[in-house]
């Protein structure tokens, strides 16, 4: 199951085929790889602030699906990165840039303090707000992450098939897909790196079987 979130919240949630009907992939970018079951206390980092949020537990999903540590990887929750480091929507551009560089990220989700996804911002988005005045580099003042971020973020459910997530990444030229639960809380993120790492783990190539 996939969804689309923007600054007003969730505007779409359905299967992959329905996603393509409401937001068709750009043919010019397709295949361009360069550009309440249980509770689990998951640490969520919102900018520089750390808090605890009760979400659907990863172990609960694993138990429900009768999976163990060596089971084949089929679902997003099995390989997603978590906790999720996000940017507050009202964070100044310069602070967002420094935070992204600190964590060595090229992109970060944007969320409310309650971990409601509202957008996604990339390093390139932030660099568009740089001013080069006679080799003196500075950022545009009075601008926040809200001014730089891209809304309309495609997300997936924790139990989404990772092969379909990979398909979405390729067709929509995405480098990551945030993972959002039934309560609209951001609980993880699947990146291309996560998919590649999964392919290297035992059992080999089970990701694509």
C-alpha atoms as a PDB file:
ATOM      1  CA  UNK A   1       0.000   0.000   0.000  1.00  0.00           C
ATOM      2  CA  UNK A   2       1.266   3.454  -0.929  1.00  0.00           C
ATOM      3  CA  UNK A   3       0.247   6.960   0.096  1.00  0.00           C
ATOM      4  CA  UNK A   4       0.936  10.584  -0.772  1.00  0.00           C
ATOM      5  CA  UNK A   5       1.429  13.166   1.974  1.00  0.00           C
ATOM      6  CA  UNK A   6       1.684  16.931   1.743  1.00  0.00           C
ATOM      7  CA  UNK A   7       1.538  19.875   4.135  1.00  0.00           C
ATOM      8  CA  UNK A   8      -2.193  19.283   4.660  1.00  0.00           C
ATOM      9  CA  UNK A   9      -1.725  15.605   5.548  1.00  0.00           C
ATOM     10  CA  UNK A  10      -2.558  12.436   3.664  1.00  0.00           C
ATOM     11  CA  UNK A  11      -4.323  13.015   0.358  1.00  0.00           C
ATOM     12  CA  UNK A  12      -4.111   9.513  -1.103  1.00  0.00           C
ATOM     13  CA  UNK A  13      -3.730   5.905   0.053  1.00  0.00           C
ATOM     14  CA  UNK A  14      -4.173   2.853  -2.168  1.00  0.00           C
ATOM     15  CA  UNK A  15      -2.243   0.256  -4.134  1.00  0.00           C
ATOM     16  CA  UNK A  16       0.515   0.824  -6.685  1.00  0.00           C
ATOM     17  CA  UNK A  17      -1.810   0.715  -9.657  1.00  0.00           C
ATOM     18  CA  UNK A  18      -4.022   3.432  -8.147  1.00  0.00           C
ATOM     19  CA  UNK A  19      -0.926   5.508  -7.330  1.00  0.00           C
ATOM     20  CA  UNK A  20       0.022   5.531 -10.997  1.00  0.00           C
ATOM     21  CA  UNK A  21      -3.450   6.779 -11.886  1.00  0.00           C
ATOM     22  CA  UNK A  22      -3.337   9.753  -9.511  1.00  0.00           C
ATOM     23  CA  UNK A  23       0.333  10.534 -10.087  1.00  0.00           C
ATOM     24  CA  UNK A  24       1.741   9.128 -13.290  1.00  0.00           C
ATOM     25  CA  UNK A  25       5.541   8.686 -13.438  1.00  0.00           C
ATOM     26  CA  UNK A  26       7.410  11.199 -15.565  1.00  0.00           C
ATOM     27  CA  UNK A  27       8.596   9.218 -18.639  1.00  0.00           C
ATOM     28  CA  UNK A  28      11.665  11.427 -18.902  1.00  0.00           C
ATOM     29  CA  UNK A  29      12.794  10.398 -15.423  1.00  0.00           C
ATOM     30  CA  UNK A  30      11.732   6.761 -15.295  1.00  0.00           C
ATOM     31  CA  UNK A  31      14.554   4.270 -14.815  1.00  0.00           C
ATOM     32  CA  UNK A  32      17.079   7.032 -14.208  1.00  0.00           C
ATOM     33  CA  UNK A  33      18.954   5.603 -11.243  1.00  0.00           C
ATOM     34  CA  UNK A  34      21.310   8.532 -10.977  1.00  0.00           C
ATOM     35  CA  UNK A  35      19.407  11.431 -10.338  1.00  0.00           C
ATOM     36  CA  UNK A  36      -2.629  -1.155  16.735  1.00  0.00           C
ATOM     37  CA  UNK A  37      -1.168  -4.792  16.806  1.00  0.00           C
ATOM     38  CA  UNK A  38       1.311  -4.008  19.574  1.00  0.00           C
ATOM     39  CA  UNK A  39       3.365  -1.111  20.875  1.00  0.00           C
ATOM     40  CA  UNK A  40       7.046  -0.479  20.504  1.00  0.00           C
ATOM     41  CA  UNK A  41       8.955   2.436  21.965  1.00  0.00           C
ATOM     42  CA  UNK A  42      10.756   3.866  18.970  1.00  0.00           C
ATOM     43  CA  UNK A  43      13.113   6.784  19.453  1.00  0.00           C
ATOM     44  CA  UNK A  44      12.288   9.528  16.997  1.00  0.00           C
ATOM     45  CA  UNK A  45      14.698  12.396  16.416  1.00  0.00           C
ATOM     46  CA  UNK A  46      13.031  15.623  15.300  1.00  0.00           C
ATOM     47  CA  UNK A  47      15.874  17.902  14.283  1.00  0.00           C
ATOM     48  CA  UNK A  48      18.022  18.259  17.401  1.00  0.00           C
ATOM     49  CA  UNK A  49      15.256  17.156  19.747  1.00  0.00           C
ATOM     50  CA  UNK A  50      14.797  13.538  20.816  1.00  0.00           C
ATOM     51  CA  UNK A  51      11.493  12.140  21.995  1.00  0.00           C
ATOM     52  CA  UNK A  52       9.752   8.777  22.419  1.00  0.00           C
ATOM     53  CA  UNK A  53       6.743   7.778  20.376  1.00  0.00           C
ATOM     54  CA  UNK A  54       4.605   4.634  20.635  1.00  0.00           C
ATOM     55  CA  UNK A  55       4.237   3.014  17.220  1.00  0.00           C
ATOM     56  CA  UNK A  56       3.399  -0.407  15.805  1.00  0.00           C
ATOM     57  CA  UNK A  57       6.262  -2.595  16.954  1.00  0.00           C
ATOM     58  CA  UNK A  58       8.646  -4.164  14.505  1.00  0.00           C
ATOM     59  CA  UNK A  59       8.654  -7.350  16.572  1.00  0.00           C
ATOM     60  CA  UNK A  60       4.858  -7.439  16.453  1.00  0.00           C
ATOM     61  CA  UNK A  61       4.956  -7.375  12.661  1.00  0.00           C
ATOM     62  CA  UNK A  62       7.641 -10.043  12.661  1.00  0.00           C
ATOM     63  CA  UNK A  63       5.592 -12.264  14.998  1.00  0.00           C
ATOM     64  CA  UNK A  64       2.405 -11.695  13.038  1.00  0.00           C
ATOM     65  CA  UNK A  65       4.127 -12.817   9.838  1.00  0.00           C
ATOM     66  CA  UNK A  66       5.992 -15.668  11.558  1.00  0.00           C
ATOM     67  CA  UNK A  67       9.376 -14.294  10.572  1.00  0.00           C
ATOM     68  CA  UNK A  68      12.722 -14.680  12.308  1.00  0.00           C
ATOM     69  CA  UNK A  69      16.070 -12.934  11.956  1.00  0.00           C
ATOM     70  CA  UNK A  70      17.159 -15.161   9.054  1.00  0.00           C
ATOM     71  CA  UNK A  71      13.861 -15.121   7.187  1.00  0.00           C
ATOM     72  CA  UNK A  72      13.754 -13.761   3.630  1.00  0.00           C
ATOM     73  CA  UNK A  73      13.155 -10.040   3.364  1.00  0.00           C
ATOM     74  CA  UNK A  74       9.799  -9.237   1.817  1.00  0.00           C
ATOM     75  CA  UNK A  75       8.421  -6.237   3.702  1.00  0.00           C
ATOM     76  CA  UNK A  76       9.466  -2.630   4.244  1.00  0.00           C
ATOM     77  CA  UNK A  77       9.650  -2.868   8.044  1.00  0.00           C
ATOM     78  CA  UNK A  78      12.305  -5.583   7.783  1.00  0.00           C
ATOM     79  CA  UNK A  79      14.876  -3.363   6.126  1.00  0.00           C
ATOM     80  CA  UNK A  80      13.807   0.236   6.773  1.00  0.00           C
ATOM     81  CA  UNK A  81      16.156   2.585   8.587  1.00  0.00           C
ATOM     82  CA  UNK A  82      14.903   3.773  11.950  1.00  0.00           C
ATOM     83  CA  UNK A  83      14.691   5.842  14.069  1.00  0.00           C
ATOM     84  CA  UNK A  84      14.009   8.588  11.549  1.00  0.00           C
ATOM     85  CA  UNK A  85      15.815  11.904  11.717  1.00  0.00           C
ATOM     86  CA  UNK A  86      13.498  14.593  10.407  1.00  0.00           C
ATOM     87  CA  UNK A  87      13.530  18.341   9.983  1.00  0.00           C
ATOM     88  CA  UNK A  88      10.956  20.659  11.595  1.00  0.00           C
ATOM     89  CA  UNK A  89       9.042  22.604   8.970  1.00  0.00           C
ATOM     90  CA  UNK A  90       9.938  25.956  10.567  1.00  0.00           C
ATOM     91  CA  UNK A  91      13.678  25.262  10.869  1.00  0.00           C
ATOM     92  CA  UNK A  92      15.827  28.008   9.249  1.00  0.00           C
ATOM     93  CA  UNK A  93      17.527  26.988   5.995  1.00  0.00           C
ATOM     94  CA  UNK A  94      21.042  27.380   7.404  1.00  0.00           C
ATOM     95  CA  UNK A  95      20.243  25.140  10.395  1.00  0.00           C
ATOM     96  CA  UNK A  96      18.745  22.501   8.117  1.00  0.00           C
ATOM     97  CA  UNK A  97      21.850  22.589   5.933  1.00  0.00           C
ATOM     98  CA  UNK A  98      24.166  22.169   8.934  1.00  0.00           C
ATOM     99  CA  UNK A  99      22.078  19.317  10.327  1.00  0.00           C
ATOM    100  CA  UNK A 100      22.055  17.522   6.992  1.00  0.00           C
ATOM    101  CA  UNK A 101      25.811  17.876   6.631  1.00  0.00           C
ATOM    102  CA  UNK A 102      26.326  16.695  10.209  1.00  0.00           C
ATOM    103  CA  UNK A 103      24.452  13.452   9.534  1.00  0.00           C
ATOM    104  CA  UNK A 104      25.885  13.147   6.005  1.00  0.00           C
ATOM    105  CA  UNK A 105      22.432  12.974   4.445  1.00  0.00           C
ATOM    106  CA  UNK A 106      21.494  14.102   0.955  1.00  0.00           C
ATOM    107  CA  UNK A 107      17.824  14.367   1.876  1.00  0.00           C
ATOM    108  CA  UNK A 108      15.631  14.341   4.972  1.00  0.00           C
ATOM    109  CA  UNK A 109      11.895  14.028   5.639  1.00  0.00           C
ATOM    110  CA  UNK A 110      10.091  17.056   7.052  1.00  0.00           C
ATOM    111  CA  UNK A 111       7.567  16.420   9.820  1.00  0.00           C
ATOM    112  CA  UNK A 112       5.610  17.918  12.652  1.00  0.00           C
ATOM    113  CA  UNK A 113       6.627  17.294  16.266  1.00  0.00           C
ATOM    114  CA  UNK A 114       4.084  14.443  16.254  1.00  0.00           C
ATOM    115  CA  UNK A 115       5.933  12.806  13.345  1.00  0.00           C
ATOM    116  CA  UNK A 116       3.265  13.648  10.775  1.00  0.00           C
ATOM    117  CA  UNK A 117       5.009  13.756   7.410  1.00  0.00           C
ATOM    118  CA  UNK A 118       4.592  17.055   5.531  1.00  0.00           C
ATOM    119  CA  UNK A 119       7.416  17.061   3.005  1.00  0.00           C
ATOM    120  CA  UNK A 120      10.906  16.069   1.928  1.00  0.00           C
ATOM    121  CA  UNK A 121      13.929  18.310   1.431  1.00  0.00           C
ATOM    122  CA  UNK A 122      17.176  17.562  -0.378  1.00  0.00           C
ATOM    123  CA  UNK A 123      20.611  19.097  -0.099  1.00  0.00           C
ATOM    124  CA  UNK A 124      20.116  20.486  -3.594  1.00  0.00           C
ATOM    125  CA  UNK A 125      16.890  22.171  -2.459  1.00  0.00           C
ATOM    126  CA  UNK A 126      18.792  23.941   0.340  1.00  0.00           C
ATOM    127  CA  UNK A 127      21.687  24.964  -1.880  1.00  0.00           C
ATOM    128  CA  UNK A 128      19.229  26.853  -4.075  1.00  0.00           C
ATOM    129  CA  UNK A 129      18.984  29.372  -1.225  1.00  0.00           C
ATOM    130  CA  UNK A 130      22.705  30.182  -1.196  1.00  0.00           C
ATOM    131  CA  UNK A 131      23.858  33.672  -2.137  1.00  0.00           C
ATOM    132  CA  UNK A 132      27.326  34.066  -3.664  1.00  0.00           C
ATOM    133  CA  UNK A 133      28.264  37.721  -3.292  1.00  0.00           C
ATOM    134  CA  UNK A 134      31.831  38.284  -4.505  1.00  0.00           C
ATOM    135  CA  UNK A 135      32.884  34.862  -3.240  1.00  0.00           C
ATOM    136  CA  UNK A 136      31.198  35.514   0.107  1.00  0.00           C
ATOM    137  CA  UNK A 137      28.727  32.687   0.506  1.00  0.00           C
ATOM    138  CA  UNK A 138      25.663  33.005   2.705  1.00  0.00           C
ATOM    139  CA  UNK A 139      22.111  31.698   2.888  1.00  0.00           C
ATOM    140  CA  UNK A 140      18.995  33.708   2.170  1.00  0.00           C
ATOM    141  CA  UNK A 141      17.625  34.974   5.484  1.00  0.00           C
ATOM    142  CA  UNK A 142      14.076  34.581   6.780  1.00  0.00           C
ATOM    143  CA  UNK A 143      13.609  31.330   4.866  1.00  0.00           C
ATOM    144  CA  UNK A 144      12.739  28.002   6.438  1.00  0.00           C
ATOM    145  CA  UNK A 145      12.543  24.369   5.428  1.00  0.00           C
ATOM    146  CA  UNK A 146       8.940  24.995   4.372  1.00  0.00           C
ATOM    147  CA  UNK A 147      10.215  27.269   1.589  1.00  0.00           C
ATOM    148  CA  UNK A 148      12.671  24.672   0.274  1.00  0.00           C
ATOM    149  CA  UNK A 149      10.922  21.335   0.744  1.00  0.00           C
ATOM    150  CA  UNK A 150       9.007  19.303  -1.783  1.00  0.00           C
ATOM    151  CA  UNK A 151       5.534  18.345  -0.682  1.00  0.00           C
ATOM    152  CA  UNK A 152       3.516  15.487  -2.187  1.00  0.00           C
ATOM    153  CA  UNK A 153       5.762  12.769  -0.778  1.00  0.00           C
ATOM    154  CA  UNK A 154       5.150   9.173  -1.836  1.00  0.00           C
ATOM    155  CA  UNK A 155       5.217   6.772   1.135  1.00  0.00           C
ATOM    156  CA  UNK A 156       4.641   3.080   1.793  1.00  0.00           C
ATOM    157  CA  UNK A 157       3.123   0.972   4.581  1.00  0.00           C
ATOM    158  CA  UNK A 158       5.391  -1.077   6.911  1.00  0.00           C
ATOM    159  CA  UNK A 159       4.219  -4.324   5.288  1.00  0.00           C
ATOM    160  CA  UNK A 160       4.559  -3.147   1.679  1.00  0.00           C
ATOM    161  CA  UNK A 161       6.382  -5.547  -0.621  1.00  0.00           C
ATOM    162  CA  UNK A 162       9.957  -4.278  -1.011  1.00  0.00           C
ATOM    163  CA  UNK A 163       9.958  -5.227  -4.684  1.00  0.00           C
ATOM    164  CA  UNK A 164       7.043  -2.873  -5.296  1.00  0.00           C
ATOM    165  CA  UNK A 165       8.844  -0.164  -3.314  1.00  0.00           C
ATOM    166  CA  UNK A 166      11.887  -0.679  -5.532  1.00  0.00           C
ATOM    167  CA  UNK A 167       9.591  -0.432  -8.562  1.00  0.00           C
ATOM    168  CA  UNK A 168       8.223   2.910  -7.309  1.00  0.00           C
ATOM    169  CA  UNK A 169      11.743   4.217  -6.683  1.00  0.00           C
ATOM    170  CA  UNK A 170      12.751   3.452 -10.248  1.00  0.00           C
ATOM    171  CA  UNK A 171       9.582   4.707 -11.942  1.00  0.00           C
ATOM    172  CA  UNK A 172       9.420   7.943  -9.942  1.00  0.00           C
ATOM    173  CA  UNK A 173      13.188   8.466  -9.775  1.00  0.00           C
ATOM    174  CA  UNK A 174      13.210   8.390  -5.958  1.00  0.00           C
ATOM    175  CA  UNK A 175      16.199   7.708  -3.724  1.00  0.00           C
ATOM    176  CA  UNK A 176      14.039   6.904  -0.705  1.00  0.00           C
ATOM    177  CA  UNK A 177      10.485   6.082   0.359  1.00  0.00           C
ATOM    178  CA  UNK A 178       9.329   7.066   3.877  1.00  0.00           C
ATOM    179  CA  UNK A 179       7.422   4.381   5.796  1.00  0.00           C
ATOM    180  CA  UNK A 180       4.206   5.553   7.464  1.00  0.00           C
ATOM    181  CA  UNK A 181       1.881   3.471   9.662  1.00  0.00           C
ATOM    182  CA  UNK A 182      -1.921   3.382   9.844  1.00  0.00           C
ATOM    183  CA  UNK A 183      -1.893   6.281  12.314  1.00  0.00           C
ATOM    184  CA  UNK A 184      -0.056   8.441   9.752  1.00  0.00           C
ATOM    185  CA  UNK A 185       3.112   8.408  11.873  1.00  0.00           C
ATOM    186  CA  UNK A 186       6.487   8.329  10.155  1.00  0.00           C
ATOM    187  CA  UNK A 187       8.267   5.262  11.574  1.00  0.00           C
ATOM    188  CA  UNK A 188      11.069   4.573   9.102  1.00  0.00           C
ATOM    189  CA  UNK A 189      12.531   5.148   5.671  1.00  0.00           C
ATOM    190  CA  UNK A 190      13.698   2.781   2.932  1.00  0.00           C
ATOM    191  CA  UNK A 191      16.563   4.055   0.808  1.00  0.00           C
ATOM    192  CA  UNK A 192      18.326   2.614  -2.215  1.00  0.00           C
ATOM    193  CA  UNK A 193      21.222   1.844   0.116  1.00  0.00           C
ATOM    194  CA  UNK A 194      18.896  -0.199   2.344  1.00  0.00           C
ATOM    195  CA  UNK A 195      17.784  -2.234  -0.657  1.00  0.00           C
ATOM    196  CA  UNK A 196      21.351  -2.868  -1.774  1.00  0.00           C
ATOM    197  CA  UNK A 197      22.421  -3.917   1.729  1.00  0.00           C
ATOM    198  CA  UNK A 198      19.469  -6.306   1.926  1.00  0.00           C
ATOM    199  CA  UNK A 199      20.574  -8.016  -1.279  1.00  0.00           C
ATOM    200  CA  UNK A 200      23.960  -8.765   0.286  1.00  0.00           C
ATOM    201  CA  UNK A 201      22.564 -10.392   3.446  1.00  0.00           C
ATOM    202  CA  UNK A 202      21.864 -14.067   4.115  1.00  0.00           C
ATOM    203  CA  UNK A 203      19.804 -15.664   2.628  1.00  0.00           C
ATOM    204  CA  UNK A 204      21.265 -14.407  -0.669  1.00  0.00           C
ATOM    205  CA  UNK A 205      18.980 -12.694  -3.157  1.00  0.00           C
ATOM    206  CA  UNK A 206      15.873 -13.722  -1.174  1.00  0.00           C
ATOM    207  CA  UNK A 207      14.754 -10.123  -1.624  1.00  0.00           C
ATOM    208  CA  UNK A 208      13.945 -10.863  -5.269  1.00  0.00           C
ATOM    209  CA  UNK A 209      12.738 -14.457  -4.982  1.00  0.00           C
END
